[in-house]
Amino acid sequence: MHFGEEGNTGFVRPQYVRVVSDAASERGAGVFLSDTNTLYRGRRLNSSDHLKLAHEHGFTKEITNADVVIPDDTQEKNIASIEINQKFIKSAKVARIFIDANGLIAVSHFKGHILTGFGGALKNVGMGCATRQGKLAQHCNVAPVVYTDKCIGCGECEIICPVKAIKLINKKSVVDSVKCIGCASCLAVCPSMAMFIDFNAGNQVQNKMVEYSLAVLKDKKKKRGFINFAIKINKECDCWGMENPQIAPDIGVFASCDPVSIDQASFDLVNQTCNKNIFKDVHPEQDATIQLRYAQSIGLGSIDYELIKL
């Protein structure tokens, strides 16, 4: 699960997680909570700071009835290379802790995302269980280009870039594609829409993310569960170190053993409540259904579902 970036409160509340961990513990499971470190600067860049932030956000043993474990992927022993031989990813680099675990419950905050349209169970598993090398493999080929005629030289993109890949030269933004990690933060803050990403490359992010989900889940056919919290549905990911707009009313909590069905159901009910495809509305360049169709095509689950309301 995502413990939230500093300054962002969109993450699933630790009190809700306590209900999940208690239920698993009562059935004899040894429960721990985990996420991997990020590519960009911030409190989740290394395991020590990431763990401290998780505790600050309330993810402690006392509150959640579960230990928090942040694997250090600078140590080779914590990395697993999973051969999947898919179209985009042949060998996935994931945190070994998720492969060695007997079972996995993905607790996900369902929200929008600038590169994938929305983020749910598939993104939580595919991106969240990947090492930094794996995250980079998923984001490659999405470095932005700058329309210099639109660039007003405000410097907002330079300020927000987590890896210092953008500089102002002669009052125009210049992107170092070698340093860029494809996070697309610059697109969101650009006031003149001078930043552009080839969203066909963004589509590949969805496909690669789904293939990474396959790498984590393929040996856990009957040992996996997914819970989507469609609450405080924000425009952007919880990785943002700031609050961002809520784009839909609270819908509720979804649960399934199928990562594709749960994301499809979450996506459908949010849009039905908004009377439009709200994810397309806030991210018009992105087709969020690519991840769903592709996940079904490689056998991760089904876009068909039966919705049972409790």
C-alpha atoms as a PDB file:
ATOM      1  CA  MET A   1       0.000   0.000   0.000  1.00  0.00           C
ATOM      2  CA  HIS A   2       0.927   3.675  -0.393  1.00  0.00           C
ATOM      3  CA  PHE A   3       1.809   5.456   2.856  1.00  0.00           C
ATOM      4  CA  GLY A   4       1.447   8.898   1.277  1.00  0.00           C
ATOM      5  CA  GLU A   5       3.994  11.552   0.417  1.00  0.00           C
ATOM      6  CA  GLU A   6       4.716  14.354   2.859  1.00  0.00           C
ATOM      7  CA  GLY A   7       2.117  17.086   2.387  1.00  0.00           C
ATOM      8  CA  ASN A   8      -0.444  14.744   0.829  1.00  0.00           C
ATOM      9  CA  THR A   9      -3.359  13.260   2.796  1.00  0.00           C
ATOM     10  CA  GLY A  10      -5.013  11.192   0.058  1.00  0.00           C
ATOM     11  CA  PHE A  11      -3.649   7.870   1.312  1.00  0.00           C
ATOM     12  CA  VAL A  12      -5.909   5.236   2.881  1.00  0.00           C
ATOM     13  CA  ARG A  13      -6.310   5.951   6.588  1.00  0.00           C
ATOM     14  CA  PRO A  14      -4.327   3.654   8.913  1.00  0.00           C
ATOM     15  CA  GLN A  15      -7.480   3.046  10.968  1.00  0.00           C
ATOM     16  CA  TYR A  16      -9.086   1.451   7.903  1.00  0.00           C
ATOM     17  CA  VAL A  17      -5.996  -0.674   7.371  1.00  0.00           C
ATOM     18  CA  ARG A  18      -6.350  -1.914  10.960  1.00  0.00           C
ATOM     19  CA  VAL A  19      -9.635  -3.606  10.002  1.00  0.00           C
ATOM     20  CA  VAL A  20      -7.868  -5.486   7.205  1.00  0.00           C
ATOM     21  CA  SER A  21      -4.854  -6.509   9.275  1.00  0.00           C
ATOM     22  CA  ASP A  22      -7.035  -7.631  12.185  1.00  0.00           C
ATOM     23  CA  ALA A  23      -9.144  -9.799   9.883  1.00  0.00           C
ATOM     24  CA  ALA A  24      -6.035 -11.400   8.381  1.00  0.00           C
ATOM     25  CA  SER A  25      -4.429 -11.916  11.798  1.00  0.00           C
ATOM     26  CA  GLU A  26      -7.563 -13.608  13.132  1.00  0.00           C
ATOM     27  CA  ARG A  27      -7.189 -16.137  10.316  1.00  0.00           C
ATOM     28  CA  GLY A  28      -3.625 -16.953  11.332  1.00  0.00           C
ATOM     29  CA  ALA A  29      -1.667 -14.669   9.030  1.00  0.00           C
ATOM     30  CA  GLY A  30       1.488 -12.864  10.023  1.00  0.00           C
ATOM     31  CA  VAL A  31       0.714  -9.394   8.644  1.00  0.00           C
ATOM     32  CA  PHE A  32       3.070  -6.643   7.555  1.00  0.00           C
ATOM     33  CA  LEU A  33       2.557  -3.476   5.477  1.00  0.00           C
ATOM     34  CA  SER A  34       4.978  -2.572   2.724  1.00  0.00           C
ATOM     35  CA  ASP A  35       5.784  -0.291  -0.203  1.00  0.00           C
ATOM     36  CA  THR A  36       8.913   0.386  -2.239  1.00  0.00           C
ATOM     37  CA  ASN A  37      11.050   3.500  -2.462  1.00  0.00           C
ATOM     38  CA  THR A  38      10.623   6.178  -5.105  1.00  0.00           C
ATOM     39  CA  LEU A  39      12.719   7.452  -8.005  1.00  0.00           C
ATOM     40  CA  TYR A  40      12.348  11.087  -7.062  1.00  0.00           C
ATOM     41  CA  ARG A  41      13.518  13.282  -4.193  1.00  0.00           C
ATOM     42  CA  GLY A  42      11.313  13.325  -1.142  1.00  0.00           C
ATOM     43  CA  ARG A  43      10.648  11.503   2.112  1.00  0.00           C
ATOM     44  CA  ARG A  44      10.159   8.140   0.363  1.00  0.00           C
ATOM     45  CA  LEU A  45      13.470   8.102  -1.517  1.00  0.00           C
ATOM     46  CA  ASN A  46      15.230   5.789   0.954  1.00  0.00           C
ATOM     47  CA  SER A  47      14.007   3.132   3.370  1.00  0.00           C
ATOM     48  CA  SER A  48      14.876   4.977   6.581  1.00  0.00           C
ATOM     49  CA  ASP A  49      13.077   8.221   5.713  1.00  0.00           C
ATOM     50  CA  HIS A  50      10.213   6.324   4.075  1.00  0.00           C
ATOM     51  CA  LEU A  51       9.637   4.332   7.261  1.00  0.00           C
ATOM     52  CA  LYS A  52       9.713   7.468   9.418  1.00  0.00           C
ATOM     53  CA  LEU A  53       7.137   9.129   7.164  1.00  0.00           C
ATOM     54  CA  ALA A  54       4.881   6.071   7.294  1.00  0.00           C
ATOM     55  CA  HIS A  55       5.002   6.213  11.083  1.00  0.00           C
ATOM     56  CA  GLU A  56       4.262   9.952  11.050  1.00  0.00           C
ATOM     57  CA  HIS A  57       1.197   9.243   8.910  1.00  0.00           C
ATOM     58  CA  GLY A  58      -0.064   6.806  11.530  1.00  0.00           C
ATOM     59  CA  PHE A  59       1.150   3.508  10.127  1.00  0.00           C
ATOM     60  CA  THR A  60       2.509   2.106  13.372  1.00  0.00           C
ATOM     61  CA  LYS A  61       2.111  -1.304  14.976  1.00  0.00           C
ATOM     62  CA  GLU A  62      -0.086   0.223  17.682  1.00  0.00           C
ATOM     63  CA  ILE A  63      -2.553   1.728  15.197  1.00  0.00           C
ATOM     64  CA  THR A  64      -2.539  -0.843  12.367  1.00  0.00           C
ATOM     65  CA  ASN A  65      -1.654  -4.067  14.231  1.00  0.00           C
ATOM     66  CA  ALA A  66       1.040  -4.681  11.613  1.00  0.00           C
ATOM     67  CA  ASP A  67       4.719  -3.938  11.200  1.00  0.00           C
ATOM     68  CA  VAL A  68       5.812  -1.660   8.363  1.00  0.00           C
ATOM     69  CA  VAL A  69       8.652  -3.013   6.208  1.00  0.00           C
ATOM     70  CA  ILE A  70      10.332  -0.882   3.527  1.00  0.00           C
ATOM     71  CA  PRO A  71      12.823  -3.024   1.562  1.00  0.00           C
ATOM     72  CA  ASP A  72      16.129  -1.384   0.647  1.00  0.00           C
ATOM     73  CA  ASP A  73      16.642  -2.080  -3.048  1.00  0.00           C
ATOM     74  CA  THR A  74      20.213  -0.836  -2.949  1.00  0.00           C
ATOM     75  CA  GLN A  75      20.917  -4.317  -1.564  1.00  0.00           C
ATOM     76  CA  GLU A  76      20.828  -7.044  -4.189  1.00  0.00           C
ATOM     77  CA  LYS A  77      19.372  -9.568  -1.751  1.00  0.00           C
ATOM     78  CA  ASN A  78      16.142  -7.540  -1.659  1.00  0.00           C
ATOM     79  CA  ILE A  79      15.609  -7.657  -5.445  1.00  0.00           C
ATOM     80  CA  ALA A  80      13.924 -10.432  -7.411  1.00  0.00           C
ATOM     81  CA  SER A  81      14.164 -10.737 -11.204  1.00  0.00           C
ATOM     82  CA  ILE A  82      10.953 -12.348 -12.433  1.00  0.00           C
ATOM     83  CA  GLU A  83      10.951 -13.731 -15.958  1.00  0.00           C
ATOM     84  CA  ILE A  84       7.632 -12.956 -17.652  1.00  0.00           C
ATOM     85  CA  ASN A  85       8.663 -12.595 -21.335  1.00  0.00           C
ATOM     86  CA  GLN A  86       5.866 -10.207 -22.197  1.00  0.00           C
ATOM     87  CA  LYS A  87       5.661  -7.675 -25.026  1.00  0.00           C
ATOM     88  CA  PHE A  88       7.315  -4.815 -23.158  1.00  0.00           C
ATOM     89  CA  ILE A  89       8.993  -6.397 -20.137  1.00  0.00           C
ATOM     90  CA  LYS A  90      10.979  -9.616 -20.341  1.00  0.00           C
ATOM     91  CA  SER A  91      12.344  -9.661 -16.799  1.00  0.00           C
ATOM     92  CA  ALA A  92      10.710  -7.580 -14.052  1.00  0.00           C
ATOM     93  CA  LYS A  93      12.704  -6.155 -11.155  1.00  0.00           C
ATOM     94  CA  VAL A  94      10.484  -6.322  -8.078  1.00  0.00           C
ATOM     95  CA  ALA A  95      11.052  -6.226  -4.334  1.00  0.00           C
ATOM     96  CA  ARG A  96      11.691  -9.781  -3.186  1.00  0.00           C
ATOM     97  CA  ILE A  97       9.519  -9.327  -0.109  1.00  0.00           C
ATOM     98  CA  PHE A  98       6.383  -9.427  -2.277  1.00  0.00           C
ATOM     99  CA  ILE A  99       7.508 -12.571  -4.082  1.00  0.00           C
ATOM    100  CA  ASP A 100       8.446 -14.400  -0.882  1.00  0.00           C
ATOM    101  CA  ALA A 101       5.196 -13.507   0.911  1.00  0.00           C
ATOM    102  CA  ASN A 102       2.690 -16.361   1.018  1.00  0.00           C
ATOM    103  CA  GLY A 103      -0.160 -14.043   0.116  1.00  0.00           C
ATOM    104  CA  LEU A 104      -0.817 -10.438  -0.854  1.00  0.00           C
ATOM    105  CA  ILE A 105      -3.635  -7.985  -0.150  1.00  0.00           C
ATOM    106  CA  ALA A 106      -3.383  -4.780  -2.149  1.00  0.00           C
ATOM    107  CA  VAL A 107      -4.992  -1.862  -0.308  1.00  0.00           C
ATOM    108  CA  SER A 108      -5.318   0.914  -2.875  1.00  0.00           C
ATOM    109  CA  HIS A 109      -6.558   4.495  -2.964  1.00  0.00           C
ATOM    110  CA  PHE A 110      -8.538   4.865  -6.195  1.00  0.00           C
ATOM    111  CA  LYS A 111      -7.775   8.230  -7.815  1.00  0.00           C
ATOM    112  CA  GLY A 112      -6.748   9.956 -11.044  1.00  0.00           C
ATOM    113  CA  HIS A 113      -3.274   9.909 -12.552  1.00  0.00           C
ATOM    114  CA  ILE A 114      -1.615  12.076 -15.165  1.00  0.00           C
ATOM    115  CA  LEU A 115       0.021   9.171 -17.044  1.00  0.00           C
ATOM    116  CA  THR A 116      -2.358   6.265 -16.487  1.00  0.00           C
ATOM    117  CA  GLY A 117      -5.711   8.068 -16.269  1.00  0.00           C
ATOM    118  CA  PHE A 118      -6.473   6.462 -12.930  1.00  0.00           C
ATOM    119  CA  GLY A 119      -4.600   4.481 -10.331  1.00  0.00           C
ATOM    120  CA  GLY A 120      -6.141   1.490  -8.590  1.00  0.00           C
ATOM    121  CA  ALA A 121      -5.169  -2.090  -7.791  1.00  0.00           C
ATOM    122  CA  LEU A 122      -3.207  -2.672 -11.001  1.00  0.00           C
ATOM    123  CA  LYS A 123      -1.108   0.435 -10.537  1.00  0.00           C
ATOM    124  CA  ASN A 124      -0.650  -0.144  -6.822  1.00  0.00           C
ATOM    125  CA  VAL A 125       0.771  -3.618  -7.455  1.00  0.00           C
ATOM    126  CA  GLY A 126       2.607  -2.962 -10.721  1.00  0.00           C
ATOM    127  CA  MET A 127       4.320   0.259  -9.705  1.00  0.00           C
ATOM    128  CA  GLY A 128       4.239  -0.156  -5.935  1.00  0.00           C
ATOM    129  CA  CYS A 129       5.987  -3.531  -5.845  1.00  0.00           C
ATOM    130  CA  ALA A 130       8.674  -2.570  -8.374  1.00  0.00           C
ATOM    131  CA  THR A 131      12.183  -1.632  -7.361  1.00  0.00           C
ATOM    132  CA  ARG A 132      13.464   1.752  -8.488  1.00  0.00           C
ATOM    133  CA  GLN A 133      15.046   0.037 -11.479  1.00  0.00           C
ATOM    134  CA  GLY A 134      11.644  -1.454 -12.255  1.00  0.00           C
ATOM    135  CA  LYS A 135       9.910   1.898 -11.877  1.00  0.00           C
ATOM    136  CA  LEU A 136      12.389   3.475 -14.255  1.00  0.00           C
ATOM    137  CA  ALA A 137      11.796   0.702 -16.813  1.00  0.00           C
ATOM    138  CA  GLN A 138       8.076   1.479 -16.698  1.00  0.00           C
ATOM    139  CA  HIS A 139       8.521   5.245 -17.070  1.00  0.00           C
ATOM    140  CA  CYS A 140      11.213   5.302 -19.756  1.00  0.00           C
ATOM    141  CA  ASN A 141      10.435   6.947 -23.103  1.00  0.00           C
ATOM    142  CA  VAL A 142       8.129   9.553 -21.568  1.00  0.00           C
ATOM    143  CA  ALA A 143      10.486  12.541 -21.250  1.00  0.00           C
ATOM    144  CA  PRO A 144       8.570  15.728 -22.134  1.00  0.00           C
ATOM    145  CA  VAL A 145       9.449  18.156 -24.877  1.00  0.00           C
ATOM    146  CA  VAL A 146       8.948  21.908 -24.647  1.00  0.00           C
ATOM    147  CA  TYR A 147       6.975  24.095 -27.038  1.00  0.00           C
ATOM    148  CA  THR A 148       9.289  27.080 -26.771  1.00  0.00           C
ATOM    149  CA  ASP A 149       6.732  29.436 -28.303  1.00  0.00           C
ATOM    150  CA  LYS A 150       4.385  28.670 -25.392  1.00  0.00           C
ATOM    151  CA  CYS A 151       7.020  28.644 -22.632  1.00  0.00           C
ATOM    152  CA  ILE A 152       6.821  31.814 -20.528  1.00  0.00           C
ATOM    153  CA  GLY A 153       9.950  31.098 -18.498  1.00  0.00           C
ATOM    154  CA  CYS A 154       8.155  30.983 -15.130  1.00  0.00           C
ATOM    155  CA  GLY A 155      10.431  28.227 -13.824  1.00  0.00           C
ATOM    156  CA  GLU A 156       7.657  26.193 -12.153  1.00  0.00           C
ATOM    157  CA  CYS A 157       8.754  23.040 -13.991  1.00  0.00           C
ATOM    158  CA  GLU A 158      12.354  23.511 -12.855  1.00  0.00           C
ATOM    159  CA  ILE A 159      11.206  23.920  -9.245  1.00  0.00           C
ATOM    160  CA  ILE A 160       9.013  20.813  -9.180  1.00  0.00           C
ATOM    161  CA  CYS A 161      11.299  18.453 -11.141  1.00  0.00           C
ATOM    162  CA  PRO A 162      12.420  15.821  -8.598  1.00  0.00           C
ATOM    163  CA  VAL A 163      15.662  14.933 -10.397  1.00  0.00           C
ATOM    164  CA  LYS A 164      16.761  18.386 -11.631  1.00  0.00           C
ATOM    165  CA  ALA A 165      16.255  17.384 -15.267  1.00  0.00           C
ATOM    166  CA  ILE A 166      14.857  20.813 -16.251  1.00  0.00           C
ATOM    167  CA  LYS A 167      16.715  24.115 -16.442  1.00  0.00           C
ATOM    168  CA  LEU A 168      15.829  27.572 -17.664  1.00  0.00           C
ATOM    169  CA  ILE A 169      18.164  28.618 -20.464  1.00  0.00           C
ATOM    170  CA  ASN A 170      17.573  32.015 -22.058  1.00  0.00           C
ATOM    171  CA  LYS A 171      14.218  32.137 -20.220  1.00  0.00           C
ATOM    172  CA  LYS A 172      13.024  28.898 -21.809  1.00  0.00           C
ATOM    173  CA  SER A 173      12.729  25.457 -20.211  1.00  0.00           C
ATOM    174  CA  VAL A 174      15.097  22.758 -21.422  1.00  0.00           C
ATOM    175  CA  VAL A 175      14.657  19.084 -20.496  1.00  0.00           C
ATOM    176  CA  ASP A 176      17.578  16.687 -20.042  1.00  0.00           C
ATOM    177  CA  SER A 177      15.992  13.448 -21.309  1.00  0.00           C
ATOM    178  CA  VAL A 178      18.825  11.383 -19.798  1.00  0.00           C
ATOM    179  CA  LYS A 179      18.039  12.576 -16.269  1.00  0.00           C
ATOM    180  CA  CYS A 180      14.252  12.606 -16.732  1.00  0.00           C
ATOM    181  CA  ILE A 181      12.366   9.810 -14.927  1.00  0.00           C
ATOM    182  CA  GLY A 182       9.056  10.382 -16.704  1.00  0.00           C
ATOM    183  CA  CYS A 183       7.024  11.377 -13.633  1.00  0.00           C
ATOM    184  CA  ALA A 184       5.169  14.093 -15.617  1.00  0.00           C
ATOM    185  CA  SER A 185       5.051  16.491 -12.644  1.00  0.00           C
ATOM    186  CA  CYS A 186       6.143  19.315 -14.941  1.00  0.00           C
ATOM    187  CA  LEU A 187       3.050  18.889 -17.108  1.00  0.00           C
ATOM    188  CA  ALA A 188       0.746  19.426 -14.185  1.00  0.00           C
ATOM    189  CA  VAL A 189       2.329  22.695 -13.019  1.00  0.00           C
ATOM    190  CA  CYS A 190       2.982  24.309 -16.412  1.00  0.00           C
ATOM    191  CA  PRO A 191       0.578  27.301 -16.615  1.00  0.00           C
ATOM    192  CA  SER A 192       0.941  27.746 -20.383  1.00  0.00           C
ATOM    193  CA  MET A 193       0.768  24.083 -21.460  1.00  0.00           C
ATOM    194  CA  ALA A 194       4.238  24.368 -22.954  1.00  0.00           C
ATOM    195  CA  MET A 195       5.192  20.872 -21.795  1.00  0.00           C
ATOM    196  CA  PHE A 196       4.212  17.943 -23.996  1.00  0.00           C
ATOM    197  CA  ILE A 197       4.514  14.187 -23.595  1.00  0.00           C
ATOM    198  CA  ASP A 198       3.896  11.716 -26.379  1.00  0.00           C
ATOM    199  CA  PHE A 199       0.960   9.986 -24.757  1.00  0.00           C
ATOM    200  CA  ASN A 200       1.520   6.944 -26.939  1.00  0.00           C
ATOM    201  CA  ALA A 201       4.549   6.533 -24.702  1.00  0.00           C
ATOM    202  CA  GLY A 202       2.206   7.120 -21.764  1.00  0.00           C
ATOM    203  CA  ASN A 203       0.103   4.251 -23.034  1.00  0.00           C
ATOM    204  CA  GLN A 204       3.214   2.091 -22.804  1.00  0.00           C
ATOM    205  CA  VAL A 205       3.494   3.033 -19.134  1.00  0.00           C
ATOM    206  CA  GLN A 206       0.082   1.443 -18.583  1.00  0.00           C
ATOM    207  CA  ASN A 207       1.104  -1.703 -20.458  1.00  0.00           C
ATOM    208  CA  LYS A 208       4.407  -2.023 -18.623  1.00  0.00           C
ATOM    209  CA  MET A 209       2.702  -1.398 -15.299  1.00  0.00           C
ATOM    210  CA  VAL A 210       0.259  -4.224 -16.031  1.00  0.00           C
ATOM    211  CA  GLU A 211       3.115  -6.561 -16.952  1.00  0.00           C
ATOM    212  CA  TYR A 212       4.780  -5.751 -13.630  1.00  0.00           C
ATOM    213  CA  SER A 213       1.511  -6.632 -11.895  1.00  0.00           C
ATOM    214  CA  LEU A 214       1.656  -9.973 -13.674  1.00  0.00           C
ATOM    215  CA  ALA A 215       5.182 -10.547 -12.383  1.00  0.00           C
ATOM    216  CA  VAL A 216       4.042 -10.047  -8.779  1.00  0.00           C
ATOM    217  CA  LEU A 217       0.733 -11.895  -8.972  1.00  0.00           C
ATOM    218  CA  LYS A 218       1.337 -14.804 -11.336  1.00  0.00           C
ATOM    219  CA  ASP A 219       2.257 -17.266  -8.569  1.00  0.00           C
ATOM    220  CA  LYS A 220      -0.450 -16.058  -6.179  1.00  0.00           C
ATOM    221  CA  LYS A 221      -3.552 -17.212  -8.054  1.00  0.00           C
ATOM    222  CA  LYS A 222      -5.518 -18.118  -4.912  1.00  0.00           C
ATOM    223  CA  LYS A 223      -3.477 -16.101  -2.442  1.00  0.00           C
ATOM    224  CA  ARG A 224      -4.352 -12.540  -3.367  1.00  0.00           C
ATOM    225  CA  GLY A 225      -7.011  -9.967  -2.541  1.00  0.00           C
ATOM    226  CA  PHE A 226      -7.683  -6.387  -3.564  1.00  0.00           C
ATOM    227  CA  ILE A 227      -9.394  -3.535  -1.736  1.00  0.00           C
ATOM    228  CA  ASN A 228     -10.006  -0.204  -3.482  1.00  0.00           C
ATOM    229  CA  PHE A 229     -10.927   2.829  -1.403  1.00  0.00           C
ATOM    230  CA  ALA A 230     -12.859   5.111  -3.771  1.00  0.00           C
ATOM    231  CA  ILE A 231     -12.799   7.860  -1.170  1.00  0.00           C
ATOM    232  CA  LYS A 232     -11.269  11.341  -1.550  1.00  0.00           C
ATOM    233  CA  ILE A 233     -10.879  10.666  -5.257  1.00  0.00           C
ATOM    234  CA  ASN A 234      -8.224  13.184  -6.272  1.00  0.00           C
ATOM    235  CA  LYS A 235      -7.061  14.329  -9.697  1.00  0.00           C
ATOM    236  CA  GLU A 236      -3.499  13.100  -9.163  1.00  0.00           C
ATOM    237  CA  CYS A 237      -1.506  10.410  -7.385  1.00  0.00           C
ATOM    238  CA  ASP A 238      -0.728  10.375  -3.665  1.00  0.00           C
ATOM    239  CA  CYS A 239       2.949  10.700  -4.651  1.00  0.00           C
ATOM    240  CA  TRP A 240       2.397  14.443  -5.001  1.00  0.00           C
ATOM    241  CA  GLY A 241       3.873  16.261  -2.013  1.00  0.00           C
ATOM    242  CA  MET A 242       0.820  18.509  -1.848  1.00  0.00           C
ATOM    243  CA  GLU A 243      -2.956  18.298  -1.838  1.00  0.00           C
ATOM    244  CA  ASN A 244      -4.666  18.186  -5.225  1.00  0.00           C
ATOM    245  CA  PRO A 245      -8.308  18.656  -6.236  1.00  0.00           C
ATOM    246  CA  GLN A 246     -10.976  16.083  -5.432  1.00  0.00           C
ATOM    247  CA  ILE A 247     -12.728  15.253  -8.708  1.00  0.00           C
ATOM    248  CA  ALA A 248     -15.591  13.013  -7.575  1.00  0.00           C
ATOM    249  CA  PRO A 249     -17.702  12.359  -4.485  1.00  0.00           C
ATOM    250  CA  ASP A 250     -16.858   9.460  -2.203  1.00  0.00           C
ATOM    251  CA  ILE A 251     -18.184   6.221  -3.702  1.00  0.00           C
ATOM    252  CA  GLY A 252     -17.240   3.557  -1.165  1.00  0.00           C
ATOM    253  CA  VAL A 253     -14.957   0.569  -0.694  1.00  0.00           C
ATOM    254  CA  PHE A 254     -14.565  -2.237  -3.239  1.00  0.00           C
ATOM    255  CA  ALA A 255     -13.192  -5.737  -2.611  1.00  0.00           C
ATOM    256  CA  SER A 256     -12.349  -8.554  -5.022  1.00  0.00           C
ATOM    257  CA  CYS A 257      -9.947 -11.380  -5.776  1.00  0.00           C
ATOM    258  CA  ASP A 258      -9.617 -10.052  -9.351  1.00  0.00           C
ATOM    259  CA  PRO A 259      -7.453  -6.929  -9.874  1.00  0.00           C
ATOM    260  CA  VAL A 260      -9.003  -6.188 -13.261  1.00  0.00           C
ATOM    261  CA  SER A 261     -12.615  -6.533 -12.179  1.00  0.00           C
ATOM    262  CA  ILE A 262     -12.150  -4.343  -9.123  1.00  0.00           C
ATOM    263  CA  ASP A 263     -10.521  -1.563 -11.125  1.00  0.00           C
ATOM    264  CA  GLN A 264     -13.178  -1.795 -13.849  1.00  0.00           C
ATOM    265  CA  ALA A 265     -15.980  -1.677 -11.269  1.00  0.00           C
ATOM    266  CA  SER A 266     -14.358   1.246  -9.424  1.00  0.00           C
ATOM    267  CA  PHE A 267     -13.856   3.098 -12.703  1.00  0.00           C
ATOM    268  CA  ASP A 268     -17.450   2.489 -13.816  1.00  0.00           C
ATOM    269  CA  LEU A 269     -19.123   3.541 -10.563  1.00  0.00           C
ATOM    270  CA  VAL A 270     -17.089   6.714 -10.210  1.00  0.00           C
ATOM    271  CA  ASN A 271     -18.004   7.718 -13.766  1.00  0.00           C
ATOM    272  CA  GLN A 272     -21.649   6.750 -13.328  1.00  0.00           C
ATOM    273  CA  THR A 273     -21.865   8.912 -10.214  1.00  0.00           C
ATOM    274  CA  CYS A 274     -20.266  11.841 -12.061  1.00  0.00           C
ATOM    275  CA  ASN A 275     -22.461  11.264 -15.163  1.00  0.00           C
ATOM    276  CA  LYS A 276     -19.361  11.371 -17.346  1.00  0.00           C
ATOM    277  CA  ASN A 277     -15.904   9.888 -17.723  1.00  0.00           C
ATOM    278  CA  ILE A 278     -14.355  12.149 -15.104  1.00  0.00           C
ATOM    279  CA  PHE A 279     -10.880  10.665 -15.599  1.00  0.00           C
ATOM    280  CA  LYS A 280     -10.972  11.541 -19.308  1.00  0.00           C
ATOM    281  CA  ASP A 281     -12.319  14.954 -18.356  1.00  0.00           C
ATOM    282  CA  VAL A 282      -9.358  15.806 -16.108  1.00  0.00           C
ATOM    283  CA  HIS A 283      -6.759  13.982 -18.234  1.00  0.00           C
ATOM    284  CA  PRO A 284      -8.090  14.307 -21.807  1.00  0.00           C
ATOM    285  CA  GLU A 285      -4.935  12.972 -23.448  1.00  0.00           C
ATOM    286  CA  GLN A 286      -5.076   9.681 -21.591  1.00  0.00           C
ATOM    287  CA  ASP A 287      -7.179   6.556 -22.223  1.00  0.00           C
ATOM    288  CA  ALA A 288      -7.358   4.936 -18.796  1.00  0.00           C
ATOM    289  CA  THR A 289      -9.044   1.798 -20.135  1.00  0.00           C
ATOM    290  CA  ILE A 290      -5.834   0.645 -21.844  1.00  0.00           C
ATOM    291  CA  GLN A 291      -4.604  -0.884 -18.598  1.00  0.00           C
ATOM    292  CA  LEU A 292      -7.879  -2.769 -18.108  1.00  0.00           C
ATOM    293  CA  ARG A 293      -8.035  -4.241 -21.605  1.00  0.00           C
ATOM    294  CA  TYR A 294      -4.370  -5.170 -21.619  1.00  0.00           C
ATOM    295  CA  ALA A 295      -4.546  -6.775 -18.173  1.00  0.00           C
ATOM    296  CA  GLN A 296      -7.426  -8.949 -19.361  1.00  0.00           C
ATOM    297  CA  SER A 297      -5.556  -9.874 -22.542  1.00  0.00           C
ATOM    298  CA  ILE A 298      -2.562 -11.260 -20.609  1.00  0.00           C
ATOM    299  CA  GLY A 299      -4.722 -13.219 -18.190  1.00  0.00           C
ATOM    300  CA  LEU A 300      -4.627 -11.060 -15.058  1.00  0.00           C
ATOM    301  CA  GLY A 301      -8.401 -10.994 -14.719  1.00  0.00           C
ATOM    302  CA  SER A 302     -11.633  -9.977 -16.375  1.00  0.00           C
ATOM    303  CA  ILE A 303     -13.266  -6.638 -17.152  1.00  0.00           C
ATOM    304  CA  ASP A 304     -16.617  -8.358 -16.576  1.00  0.00           C
ATOM    305  CA  TYR A 305     -17.880  -8.382 -13.015  1.00  0.00           C
ATOM    306  CA  GLU A 306     -20.875  -8.888 -10.788  1.00  0.00           C
ATOM    307  CA  LEU A 307     -21.344  -6.032  -8.363  1.00  0.00           C
ATOM    308  CA  ILE A 308     -22.688  -7.100  -4.963  1.00  0.00           C
ATOM    309  CA  LYS A 309     -23.582  -4.198  -2.685  1.00  0.00           C
ATOM    310  CA  LEU A 310     -23.340  -4.694   1.072  1.00  0.00           C
END
